Amino acid sequence: MRYQLELFLTALGFFTRIPVPAWVPWSSERMSHAARYFALVGWVVGAAGALGYLALASLLPPAVAVILSMALTIRLTGAFHEDGFADSCDGLGGGWDKAQILAIMKDSRIGSYGTIGVVLMLLAKAAALVEIAGAATQGVGVALALFVAHPLSRLAATLLMHHLPYVRADDSSKSVAVVRRLTPVELALATGFGLLPLLLLPASGALCALLAVAVVTAWTARIFLRRLGGYTGDLLGATQQASELGIYLALLAASRLGS
C-alpha cells in the first residue's frame, strides 16, 4: 500500500503543481508505473474545481464562478494540458510532415494556430459550463460536471498512451518518463478511476459522456496515427482537453434533451 501511495503521489507531483512530501522517491521507472493513477489525479483536480465553484457561486454570478474555478484548475496543473493542446494546434496546423510537426510542437513559442486554438477551447469550456449552470434540471450541475470530466478525460489520454506508439526518437521530452504500455492490472485501475465518477450522473448523462469520450478518443487517435504514426506528450494533453470539452457538451445536451 505504501508503494501504491508513493506512485499516486508521484503522479500527483508530475501532473500538477501540488507539492508532494519529500520522502516520496522519484525515478523514471516509478513514473512510468504511476501512469495508472493519471485518472485519479483527475479526481483531485476535479474536486478542487468543483469545491471552488460551489464556494464562489455562493457569492458571485455563475459565469464568474465558472471562470474562476477554471483558473483554479489551470493553476493546479500549471496549464500542463492546455500547453499541450496549444502546441498540438501549432504542430498539426502548421506542419506538413512528421518531422516538421514534431519540430513545431517542440518549440516553446506559441503560434497563431496554438493561440486561436487554446483561446477557443477555453471559451467553449466556459460557455458550456455556464450553460450547464443554467440548465441543471437533471441532477447535473457545474460541480458534478467538473468532477466527472477531469478523471474521464484523463482516462482518454491514458488509453491513447496505452494503445499508440510514442513517436519522438529523442529522450529530452518530459513525457518520456511515462512512456510505457500499461499492464492489464494497471489498465483496469486506470479505467476504474476514470469511469467511477460516472455513477454520480443520471444514466442519460453518463451514457452521453461516455459516447463523447469514445468519439473524441477515436477521432484523435485516427488523426495522430495518420499524421505522425503515434502520440507525443503534447498530443495526450490535446486529447485530455478535447475530451473534457466533449464531456461538458454531452452533459449539456443530455440536460437539455431531458428537460
Protein backbone atom coordinates (compact mmCIF):
# COMPACT_ATOMS: atom_id res chain seq x y z
CA MET A 1 0.00 0.00 0.00
CA ARG A 2 2.84 2.38 0.73
CA TYR A 3 4.27 1.73 -2.72
CA GLN A 4 0.90 2.47 -4.33
CA LEU A 5 0.61 5.67 -2.27
CA GLU A 6 4.07 6.68 -3.44
CA LEU A 7 3.09 6.03 -7.06
CA PHE A 8 -0.05 8.15 -6.69
CA LEU A 9 1.93 10.99 -5.10
CA THR A 10 4.50 10.67 -7.89
CA ALA A 11 1.73 11.08 -10.46
CA LEU A 12 0.26 13.98 -8.48
CA GLY A 13 3.62 15.75 -8.41
CA PHE A 14 4.21 15.15 -12.12
CA PHE A 15 0.80 16.17 -13.47
CA THR A 16 0.05 19.04 -11.04
CA ARG A 17 1.78 21.80 -9.13
CA ILE A 18 0.60 20.36 -5.82
CA PRO A 19 3.60 19.80 -3.50
CA VAL A 20 4.28 16.20 -2.51
CA PRO A 21 6.20 15.05 0.59
CA ALA A 22 9.96 14.98 0.34
CA TRP A 23 10.02 11.32 1.39
CA VAL A 24 8.37 10.24 -1.88
CA PRO A 25 11.13 8.74 -4.06
CA TRP A 26 11.28 9.55 -7.76
CA SER A 27 12.64 7.62 -10.69
CA SER A 28 11.74 7.20 -14.34
CA GLU A 29 10.65 3.63 -13.64
CA ARG A 30 8.32 4.72 -10.83
CA MET A 31 6.96 7.49 -13.01
CA SER A 32 6.11 5.05 -15.78
CA HIS A 33 4.19 2.88 -13.29
CA ALA A 34 2.43 5.93 -11.86
CA ALA A 35 0.52 6.41 -15.12
CA ARG A 36 -2.15 4.09 -13.67
CA TYR A 37 -3.13 6.98 -11.38
CA PHE A 38 -3.47 9.66 -14.07
CA ALA A 39 -7.28 9.47 -13.84
CA LEU A 40 -7.12 9.53 -10.04
CA VAL A 41 -5.17 12.78 -10.25
CA GLY A 42 -8.21 14.00 -12.17
CA TRP A 43 -10.27 13.32 -9.04
CA VAL A 44 -8.10 15.78 -7.13
CA VAL A 45 -8.19 18.45 -9.83
CA GLY A 46 -11.90 17.94 -10.48
CA ALA A 47 -12.74 18.05 -6.78
CA ALA A 48 -10.76 21.26 -6.36
CA GLY A 49 -12.57 22.83 -9.30
CA ALA A 50 -15.95 21.64 -8.04
CA LEU A 51 -15.42 22.89 -4.48
CA GLY A 52 -14.02 26.14 -5.81
CA TYR A 53 -17.06 26.64 -8.00
CA LEU A 54 -19.51 25.88 -5.17
CA ALA A 55 -17.77 28.33 -2.85
CA LEU A 56 -17.57 31.06 -5.48
CA ALA A 57 -21.13 30.53 -6.78
CA SER A 58 -22.48 31.28 -3.30
CA LEU A 59 -21.06 34.80 -3.60
CA LEU A 60 -20.75 35.52 -7.33
CA PRO A 61 -22.75 35.03 -10.54
CA PRO A 62 -22.37 31.58 -12.15
CA ALA A 63 -20.36 32.87 -15.12
CA VAL A 64 -17.75 34.47 -12.86
CA ALA A 65 -17.63 31.39 -10.63
CA VAL A 66 -17.09 29.16 -13.68
CA ILE A 67 -14.20 31.25 -14.98
CA LEU A 68 -12.51 31.45 -11.58
CA SER A 69 -12.92 27.70 -10.96
CA MET A 70 -11.33 27.05 -14.36
CA ALA A 71 -8.48 29.36 -13.39
CA LEU A 72 -8.06 27.34 -10.20
CA THR A 73 -7.73 24.03 -12.05
CA ILE A 74 -5.33 25.59 -14.54
CA ARG A 75 -3.22 26.89 -11.67
CA LEU A 76 -3.21 23.44 -10.04
CA THR A 77 -1.98 21.76 -13.22
CA GLY A 78 0.33 24.55 -14.32
CA ALA A 79 -1.59 24.69 -17.63
CA PHE A 80 0.10 21.37 -18.41
CA HIS A 81 -2.61 20.09 -20.73
CA GLU A 82 -3.59 23.47 -22.16
CA ASP A 83 0.03 23.93 -23.22
CA GLY A 84 -0.03 20.54 -24.92
CA PHE A 85 -3.23 21.48 -26.73
CA ALA A 86 -1.73 24.76 -27.96
CA ASP A 87 1.46 23.02 -29.14
CA SER A 88 -0.62 20.36 -30.91
CA CYS A 89 -2.66 23.01 -32.71
CA ASP A 90 0.55 24.70 -33.87
CA GLY A 91 2.16 21.45 -34.98
CA LEU A 92 -0.80 19.84 -36.70
CA GLY A 93 -2.00 23.15 -38.13
CA GLY A 94 1.34 24.44 -39.43
CA GLY A 95 3.35 21.28 -40.11
CA TRP A 96 3.37 19.43 -43.41
CA ASP A 97 5.21 16.25 -42.50
CA LYS A 98 6.08 14.30 -39.35
CA ALA A 99 9.49 15.91 -38.80
CA GLN A 100 8.12 19.43 -39.21
CA ILE A 101 5.14 18.77 -36.93
CA LEU A 102 7.38 17.40 -34.18
CA ALA A 103 9.79 20.34 -34.53
CA ILE A 104 6.98 22.89 -34.27
CA MET A 105 5.47 21.20 -31.21
CA LYS A 106 8.85 21.20 -29.50
CA ASP A 107 9.25 24.96 -29.98
CA SER A 108 8.47 26.77 -26.72
CA ARG A 109 6.92 29.67 -28.60
CA ILE A 110 3.20 29.69 -29.39
CA GLY A 111 1.96 30.48 -32.87
CA SER A 112 -1.32 31.57 -34.44
CA TYR A 113 -2.87 28.10 -34.51
CA GLY A 114 -1.99 27.49 -30.87
CA THR A 115 -3.22 30.89 -29.69
CA ILE A 116 -6.52 30.66 -31.55
CA GLY A 117 -7.00 27.03 -30.57
CA VAL A 118 -6.44 27.41 -26.83
CA VAL A 119 -8.50 30.62 -26.63
CA LEU A 120 -11.43 28.98 -28.42
CA MET A 121 -11.07 25.85 -26.28
CA LEU A 122 -11.19 27.82 -23.02
CA LEU A 123 -14.10 29.93 -24.25
CA ALA A 124 -16.02 26.83 -25.31
CA LYS A 125 -15.46 25.12 -21.96
CA ALA A 126 -16.51 28.24 -20.05
CA ALA A 127 -19.61 28.72 -22.21
CA ALA A 128 -20.62 25.06 -21.84
CA LEU A 129 -20.23 25.17 -18.04
CA VAL A 130 -22.19 28.42 -17.79
CA GLU A 131 -24.98 26.82 -19.82
CA ILE A 132 -24.86 23.73 -17.60
CA ALA A 133 -25.29 26.03 -14.60
CA GLY A 134 -28.44 27.43 -16.19
CA ALA A 135 -29.80 24.07 -17.35
CA ALA A 136 -29.08 21.95 -14.26
CA THR A 137 -32.50 20.33 -14.19
CA GLN A 138 -31.47 16.68 -14.43
CA GLY A 139 -29.18 16.44 -11.43
CA VAL A 140 -26.08 17.58 -13.34
CA GLY A 141 -24.61 20.87 -12.17
CA VAL A 142 -21.27 22.51 -12.80
CA ALA A 143 -19.58 20.97 -9.75
CA LEU A 144 -20.59 17.45 -10.78
CA ALA A 145 -19.63 18.09 -14.39
CA LEU A 146 -16.15 19.17 -13.30
CA PHE A 147 -15.69 16.20 -11.00
CA VAL A 148 -16.70 13.74 -13.74
CA ALA A 149 -14.90 15.38 -16.67
CA HIS A 150 -11.41 15.66 -15.21
CA PRO A 151 -10.90 11.94 -14.43
CA LEU A 152 -12.72 10.72 -17.55
CA SER A 153 -10.79 12.99 -19.91
CA ARG A 154 -7.52 11.83 -18.36
CA LEU A 155 -8.59 8.25 -18.92
CA ALA A 156 -8.94 9.08 -22.63
CA ALA A 157 -5.32 10.27 -22.71
CA THR A 158 -4.21 7.18 -20.77
CA LEU A 159 -5.91 4.87 -23.26
CA LEU A 160 -4.14 6.57 -26.17
CA MET A 161 -0.83 6.24 -24.34
CA HIS A 162 -1.52 2.53 -23.86
CA HIS A 163 -2.62 1.74 -27.41
CA LEU A 164 -0.49 4.02 -29.62
CA PRO A 165 3.30 4.08 -30.07
CA TYR A 166 5.37 7.00 -28.83
CA VAL A 167 6.90 8.76 -31.81
CA ARG A 168 9.69 11.00 -30.51
CA ALA A 169 13.10 9.45 -31.06
CA ASP A 170 14.90 11.78 -28.63
CA ASP A 171 14.68 11.47 -24.83
CA SER A 172 14.55 15.18 -23.99
CA SER A 173 10.77 15.33 -23.60
CA LYS A 174 9.29 15.29 -20.12
CA SER A 175 6.74 12.76 -21.34
CA VAL A 176 9.39 10.08 -21.90
CA ALA A 177 9.20 9.27 -18.18
CA VAL A 178 5.68 7.89 -18.58
CA VAL A 179 6.08 6.13 -21.94
CA ARG A 180 5.10 2.52 -21.37
CA ARG A 181 2.13 0.30 -22.14
CA LEU A 182 0.10 -0.43 -19.04
CA THR A 183 -0.22 -3.95 -17.68
CA PRO A 184 -3.76 -5.42 -17.53
CA VAL A 185 -3.98 -4.63 -13.81
CA GLU A 186 -2.75 -1.06 -14.33
CA LEU A 187 -5.19 -0.57 -17.21
CA ALA A 188 -8.05 -1.87 -15.08
CA LEU A 189 -7.14 0.52 -12.27
CA ALA A 190 -6.89 3.49 -14.64
CA THR A 191 -10.20 2.58 -16.26
CA GLY A 192 -11.92 2.18 -12.90
CA PHE A 193 -10.71 5.55 -11.63
CA GLY A 194 -11.81 7.20 -14.86
CA LEU A 195 -15.27 5.64 -15.01
CA LEU A 196 -16.28 5.50 -11.33
CA PRO A 197 -17.43 9.16 -11.10
CA LEU A 198 -19.97 8.42 -13.85
CA LEU A 199 -22.03 6.62 -11.20
CA LEU A 200 -22.91 10.05 -9.80
CA LEU A 201 -24.64 11.01 -13.05
CA PRO A 202 -28.11 10.13 -14.32
CA ALA A 203 -27.99 7.25 -16.78
CA SER A 204 -28.58 9.52 -19.79
CA GLY A 205 -25.79 11.88 -18.76
CA ALA A 206 -23.33 9.05 -18.12
CA LEU A 207 -24.12 7.48 -21.49
CA CYS A 208 -23.70 10.77 -23.34
CA ALA A 209 -20.41 11.49 -21.57
CA LEU A 210 -19.06 8.03 -22.42
CA LEU A 211 -20.13 8.39 -26.03
CA ALA A 212 -18.46 11.79 -26.29
CA VAL A 213 -15.18 10.46 -24.88
CA ALA A 214 -15.27 7.44 -27.18
CA VAL A 215 -15.81 9.64 -30.23
CA VAL A 216 -13.09 12.12 -29.27
CA THR A 217 -10.60 9.37 -28.41
CA ALA A 218 -11.20 7.50 -31.66
CA TRP A 219 -11.06 10.72 -33.69
CA THR A 220 -7.82 11.96 -32.14
CA ALA A 221 -6.22 8.51 -32.40
CA ARG A 222 -7.04 8.43 -36.11
CA ILE A 223 -5.53 11.88 -36.67
CA PHE A 224 -2.39 11.12 -34.66
CA LEU A 225 -1.79 7.83 -36.47
CA ARG A 226 -2.37 9.36 -39.89
CA ARG A 227 -0.22 12.43 -39.33
CA LEU A 228 2.52 11.08 -37.04
CA GLY A 229 2.12 7.35 -36.61
CA GLY A 230 1.59 7.67 -32.84
CA TYR A 231 1.48 10.13 -29.97
CA THR A 232 3.58 12.65 -28.10
CA GLY A 233 3.06 14.20 -24.67
CA ASP A 234 1.56 17.29 -26.29
CA LEU A 235 -0.97 15.18 -28.16
CA LEU A 236 -2.02 13.49 -24.92
CA GLY A 237 -2.66 16.94 -23.47
CA ALA A 238 -4.70 17.84 -26.53
CA THR A 239 -6.74 14.65 -26.13
CA GLN A 240 -7.44 15.46 -22.49
CA GLN A 241 -8.61 18.96 -23.36
CA ALA A 242 -10.77 17.86 -26.28
CA SER A 243 -12.31 15.06 -24.21
CA GLU A 244 -13.03 17.43 -21.32
CA LEU A 245 -14.86 19.80 -23.65
CA GLY A 246 -16.69 16.89 -25.26
CA ILE A 247 -17.95 15.75 -21.85
CA TYR A 248 -19.28 19.20 -20.99
CA LEU A 249 -21.07 19.43 -24.32
CA ALA A 250 -22.51 15.94 -23.90
CA LEU A 251 -23.76 16.68 -20.39
CA LEU A 252 -25.29 19.93 -21.59
CA ALA A 253 -27.01 18.16 -24.46
CA ALA A 254 -28.31 15.44 -22.12
CA SER A 255 -29.60 18.07 -19.70
CA ARG A 256 -31.41 19.98 -22.44
CA LEU A 257 -32.89 16.85 -24.02
CA GLY A 258 -34.16 15.67 -20.65
CA SER A 259 -35.68 18.98 -19.58
